[in-house]
Amino acid sequence: MRCINVRSLAVASSSSSFGCNIAGNNSTPYKAYNLSTSQSFGSRTFGTTTENEETKKEENNDQNLNDESATGDEEQATDGESESEEPEQSREEELQVEVTKLKDQLLRSLAEQENIRRIAKKDVQSSKNYAVSSFAKSLLDTHDNLQRAMEAVPEELRDDHENHKTLANLYEGIKMTDDNFTKAFKKNNLIKYGAVDDKFDPNLHNALFEYADDTKEAGTVGQVMKSGFMLNKRVIRPADVGTIKK
């Protein structure tokens, strides 16, 4: 009866078949029981080792994941610091550009004000220098008429106070008036110009005609029909002249 129980245990615990001696040999079933038990424990031990290895692999994987996560966090922190530094640098550059722009605008404004001041000063000086231009031009015709009146008197009669006293006195009075005009003109920087043998200058002379004269140099003034005048070195009336033909 004992042998049957051991055999049953041996068959249940292992697929290996160990025969049980029904005649009453007790050592063989006992050994079979030990072998089945040993095999069963060995299988459990191998299974436990495999589970430990898998656990260790999982722990290593978790550790690797933790390391990668920590590395990623550090990289993100570094990137965050770089991004935080870049806006500061970018803001500094924007301020520098704005300062440069404002400085340029200030310089341009100062230059424009200086130009306006210089132009205004020039206009004021020009107005002061040439304010009498219209008045001077109106007097030039009177001066021309005085010149024509003096030229109408023959040279031999201009100083003949004995025979032509009235004509000589008239000439003398006209000449004195003309001299006073000339002095007033010079006092106000109105200069008379235009004389025979002057070099012809188209900026100063108005050539009415041209003629040949071997006794004079070509390109010079041969006759003066009307004197020219300059006010503060500006021509307000060119001289009407006749020039020598080349």
Protein backbone atom coordinates (compact mmCIF):
# COMPACT_ATOMS: atom_id res chain seq x y z
CA MET A 1 0.00 0.00 0.00
CA ARG A 2 2.93 2.32 0.69
CA CYS A 3 4.45 1.54 -2.68
CA ILE A 4 1.31 2.58 -4.51
CA ASN A 5 1.24 5.98 -2.86
CA VAL A 6 4.86 6.70 -3.70
CA ARG A 7 4.32 5.68 -7.29
CA SER A 8 1.34 7.93 -7.54
CA LEU A 9 3.38 10.85 -6.26
CA ALA A 10 6.19 10.03 -8.68
CA VAL A 11 3.82 9.92 -11.66
CA ALA A 12 2.15 13.16 -10.67
CA SER A 13 5.36 15.14 -10.11
CA SER A 14 7.40 14.07 -13.16
CA SER A 15 6.93 12.85 -16.68
CA SER A 16 9.94 10.53 -16.21
CA SER A 17 8.81 7.05 -15.44
CA PHE A 18 10.46 5.23 -12.58
CA GLY A 19 9.02 1.72 -12.06
CA CYS A 20 7.79 0.72 -8.68
CA ASN A 21 8.51 -2.85 -7.59
CA ILE A 22 5.19 -4.28 -6.46
CA ALA A 23 7.04 -7.13 -4.77
CA GLY A 24 7.99 -4.81 -1.96
CA ASN A 25 11.30 -3.18 -2.92
CA ASN A 26 11.05 0.11 -0.95
CA SER A 27 14.30 1.77 -2.03
CA THR A 28 13.37 2.25 -5.67
CA PRO A 29 10.13 4.20 -5.12
CA TYR A 30 11.86 6.36 -2.57
CA LYS A 31 14.59 7.17 -5.05
CA ALA A 32 12.00 7.94 -7.69
CA TYR A 33 10.31 10.32 -5.31
CA ASN A 34 13.63 12.00 -4.59
CA LEU A 35 14.43 12.36 -8.30
CA SER A 36 11.04 13.84 -9.08
CA THR A 37 11.28 16.21 -6.19
CA SER A 38 14.80 17.23 -7.17
CA GLN A 39 13.72 17.79 -10.74
CA SER A 40 10.75 19.80 -9.60
CA PHE A 41 12.91 22.01 -7.34
CA GLY A 42 15.49 22.38 -10.09
CA SER A 43 12.85 23.61 -12.45
CA ARG A 44 11.65 26.05 -9.85
CA THR A 45 15.24 27.21 -9.18
CA PHE A 46 15.85 27.79 -12.93
CA GLY A 47 12.60 29.65 -13.17
CA THR A 48 13.57 31.86 -10.25
CA THR A 49 16.97 32.60 -11.84
CA THR A 50 15.28 33.60 -15.09
CA GLU A 51 12.89 35.84 -13.25
CA ASN A 52 15.80 37.47 -11.39
CA GLU A 53 17.60 38.10 -14.66
CA GLU A 54 14.50 39.62 -16.19
CA THR A 55 14.05 41.76 -13.10
CA LYS A 56 17.64 42.94 -13.35
CA LYS A 57 17.16 43.70 -17.07
CA GLU A 58 14.06 45.69 -16.26
CA GLU A 59 15.91 47.54 -13.52
CA ASN A 60 18.76 48.28 -15.95
CA ASN A 61 16.29 49.49 -18.56
CA ASP A 62 14.60 51.68 -15.97
CA GLN A 63 17.99 53.04 -14.94
CA ASN A 64 18.87 53.77 -18.57
CA LEU A 65 15.54 55.49 -19.05
CA ASN A 66 16.11 57.53 -15.91
CA ASP A 67 19.60 58.51 -17.14
CA GLU A 68 18.23 59.48 -20.54
CA SER A 69 15.46 61.45 -18.88
CA ALA A 70 17.98 63.25 -16.65
CA THR A 71 20.19 63.99 -19.69
CA GLY A 72 17.16 65.30 -21.59
CA ASP A 73 16.24 67.51 -18.64
CA GLU A 74 19.78 68.89 -18.51
CA GLU A 75 19.73 69.57 -22.25
CA GLN A 76 16.37 71.26 -21.94
CA ALA A 77 17.68 73.35 -19.06
CA THR A 78 20.74 74.29 -21.13
CA ASP A 79 18.55 75.13 -24.11
CA GLY A 80 16.32 77.17 -21.84
CA GLU A 81 19.32 79.11 -20.55
CA SER A 82 20.55 79.68 -24.13
CA GLU A 83 17.10 80.85 -25.17
CA SER A 84 16.93 83.15 -22.15
CA GLU A 85 20.35 84.59 -23.06
CA GLU A 86 19.44 85.04 -26.74
CA PRO A 87 16.47 87.35 -26.06
CA GLU A 88 18.66 89.46 -23.77
CA GLN A 89 21.33 89.72 -26.46
CA SER A 90 18.68 90.38 -29.07
CA ARG A 91 17.16 93.12 -26.89
CA GLU A 92 20.59 94.71 -26.46
CA GLU A 93 21.09 94.71 -30.22
CA GLU A 94 17.69 96.30 -30.74
CA LEU A 95 18.53 99.05 -28.25
CA GLN A 96 21.89 99.63 -29.96
CA VAL A 97 20.16 99.93 -33.35
CA GLU A 98 17.61 102.31 -31.89
CA VAL A 99 20.36 104.46 -30.34
CA THR A 100 22.21 104.58 -33.66
CA LYS A 101 19.01 105.54 -35.46
CA LEU A 102 18.21 108.30 -32.98
CA LYS A 103 21.77 109.60 -33.18
CA ASP A 104 21.55 109.73 -36.97
CA GLN A 105 18.23 111.57 -36.78
CA LEU A 106 19.71 114.04 -34.31
CA LEU A 107 22.71 114.74 -36.53
CA ARG A 108 20.48 115.19 -39.55
CA SER A 109 18.23 117.55 -37.61
CA LEU A 110 21.21 119.60 -36.44
CA ALA A 111 22.61 119.73 -39.97
CA GLU A 112 19.24 120.82 -41.33
CA GLN A 113 18.96 123.54 -38.70
CA GLU A 114 22.46 124.73 -39.54
CA ASN A 115 21.60 124.85 -43.24
CA ILE A 116 18.41 126.78 -42.51
CA ARG A 117 20.36 129.20 -40.31
CA ARG A 118 23.03 129.67 -42.99
CA ILE A 119 20.49 130.16 -45.76
CA ALA A 120 18.51 132.62 -43.64
CA LYS A 121 21.66 134.57 -42.83
CA LYS A 122 22.58 134.64 -46.51
CA ASP A 123 19.10 135.83 -47.44
CA VAL A 124 19.21 138.56 -44.82
CA GLN A 125 22.61 139.72 -46.03
CA SER A 126 21.46 139.56 -49.64
CA SER A 127 18.37 141.58 -48.82
CA LYS A 128 20.50 144.12 -47.04
CA ASN A 129 23.02 144.38 -49.88
CA TYR A 130 20.55 144.53 -52.73
CA ALA A 131 17.61 146.28 -51.13
CA VAL A 132 18.44 149.45 -53.10
CA SER A 133 18.70 147.65 -56.44
CA SER A 134 15.38 148.94 -57.76
CA PHE A 135 16.06 152.44 -56.50
CA ALA A 136 19.56 152.43 -58.00
CA LYS A 137 18.27 151.25 -61.38
CA SER A 138 15.75 154.08 -61.43
CA LEU A 139 18.57 156.57 -60.88
CA LEU A 140 20.74 155.14 -63.64
CA ASP A 141 18.52 156.60 -66.34
CA THR A 142 18.90 160.06 -64.77
CA HIS A 143 22.65 159.58 -64.68
CA ASP A 144 22.60 158.58 -68.37
CA ASN A 145 20.65 161.71 -69.27
CA LEU A 146 23.20 163.86 -67.45
CA GLN A 147 25.97 162.12 -69.35
CA ARG A 148 24.24 162.82 -72.67
CA ALA A 149 23.74 166.48 -71.74
CA MET A 150 27.42 166.92 -71.01
CA GLU A 151 28.44 165.16 -74.19
CA ALA A 152 26.17 167.48 -76.18
CA VAL A 153 28.31 170.49 -75.24
CA PRO A 154 31.32 170.90 -77.54
CA GLU A 155 34.63 170.49 -75.78
CA GLU A 156 35.91 173.93 -76.92
CA LEU A 157 32.93 175.67 -75.34
CA ARG A 158 32.89 173.87 -72.01
CA ASP A 159 35.41 176.20 -70.39
CA ASP A 160 34.71 179.32 -72.48
CA HIS A 161 33.30 181.58 -69.77
CA GLU A 162 34.09 184.76 -71.76
CA ASN A 163 32.29 184.10 -75.04
CA HIS A 164 29.86 181.35 -74.02
CA LYS A 165 29.44 181.97 -70.31
CA THR A 166 25.91 180.59 -70.04
CA LEU A 167 26.74 177.36 -71.83
CA ALA A 168 29.95 176.94 -69.83
CA ASN A 169 28.06 177.50 -66.55
CA LEU A 170 25.36 175.05 -67.61
CA TYR A 171 27.95 172.43 -68.41
CA GLU A 172 29.64 173.03 -65.09
CA GLY A 173 26.37 172.62 -63.16
CA ILE A 174 25.49 169.38 -64.99
CA LYS A 175 28.95 168.03 -64.32
CA MET A 176 28.68 168.83 -60.61
CA THR A 177 25.32 167.02 -60.43
CA ASP A 178 26.78 164.02 -62.20
CA ASP A 179 29.74 163.98 -59.81
CA ASN A 180 27.38 164.00 -56.82
CA PHE A 181 25.50 161.07 -58.33
CA THR A 182 28.77 159.21 -58.77
CA LYS A 183 29.78 159.84 -55.14
CA ALA A 184 26.38 158.66 -53.86
CA PHE A 185 26.66 155.54 -55.99
CA LYS A 186 30.11 154.71 -54.63
CA LYS A 187 28.94 155.28 -51.08
CA ASN A 188 26.26 152.60 -51.57
CA ASN A 189 28.63 150.21 -53.37
CA LEU A 190 27.18 151.00 -56.79
CA ILE A 191 30.21 151.03 -59.05
CA LYS A 192 30.32 152.38 -62.58
CA TYR A 193 32.38 150.51 -65.14
CA GLY A 194 32.92 150.35 -68.88
CA ALA A 195 35.71 152.14 -70.71
CA VAL A 196 37.40 152.05 -74.08
CA ASP A 197 40.14 149.43 -74.49
CA ASP A 198 38.69 147.21 -71.74
CA LYS A 199 38.77 143.50 -72.47
CA PHE A 200 35.37 142.36 -73.64
CA ASP A 201 33.60 140.20 -71.07
CA PRO A 202 30.18 138.79 -71.94
CA ASN A 203 29.30 138.74 -68.23
CA LEU A 204 29.90 142.48 -67.97
CA HIS A 205 29.36 143.87 -71.46
CA ASN A 206 26.50 143.82 -73.91
CA ALA A 207 27.95 143.97 -77.45
CA LEU A 208 25.67 146.04 -79.68
CA PHE A 209 27.87 145.94 -82.75
CA GLU A 210 31.31 144.96 -83.98
CA TYR A 211 33.66 146.87 -86.25
CA ALA A 212 37.22 146.70 -87.55
CA ASP A 213 39.93 149.00 -86.28
CA ASP A 214 43.59 148.30 -86.98
CA THR A 215 44.76 150.73 -84.29
CA LYS A 216 43.11 148.74 -81.49
CA GLU A 217 43.41 145.19 -80.26
CA ALA A 218 40.80 142.75 -81.42
CA GLY A 219 38.33 141.59 -78.78
CA THR A 220 38.44 144.86 -76.83
CA VAL A 221 35.87 147.58 -76.26
CA GLY A 222 36.06 150.24 -78.99
CA GLN A 223 33.07 152.39 -78.01
CA VAL A 224 30.91 152.74 -74.90
CA MET A 225 27.29 153.53 -75.64
CA LYS A 226 26.06 153.17 -72.06
CA SER A 227 28.05 152.62 -68.90
CA GLY A 228 27.49 149.53 -66.78
CA PHE A 229 26.92 149.34 -63.03
CA MET A 230 27.58 146.73 -60.34
CA LEU A 231 25.96 146.71 -56.91
CA ASN A 232 28.08 144.84 -54.34
CA LYS A 233 29.93 143.07 -57.16
CA ARG A 234 26.69 142.01 -58.82
CA VAL A 235 25.90 143.37 -62.25
CA ILE A 236 22.61 145.25 -62.18
CA ARG A 237 23.12 146.64 -65.67
CA PRO A 238 25.67 145.53 -68.27
CA ALA A 239 27.55 148.11 -70.32
CA ASP A 240 26.39 148.61 -73.92
CA VAL A 241 29.53 148.65 -76.05
CA GLY A 242 30.88 148.24 -79.55
CA THR A 243 33.75 145.76 -79.88
CA ILE A 244 36.71 145.48 -82.19
CA LYS A 245 36.38 142.77 -84.80
CA LYS A 246 38.97 140.01 -84.80
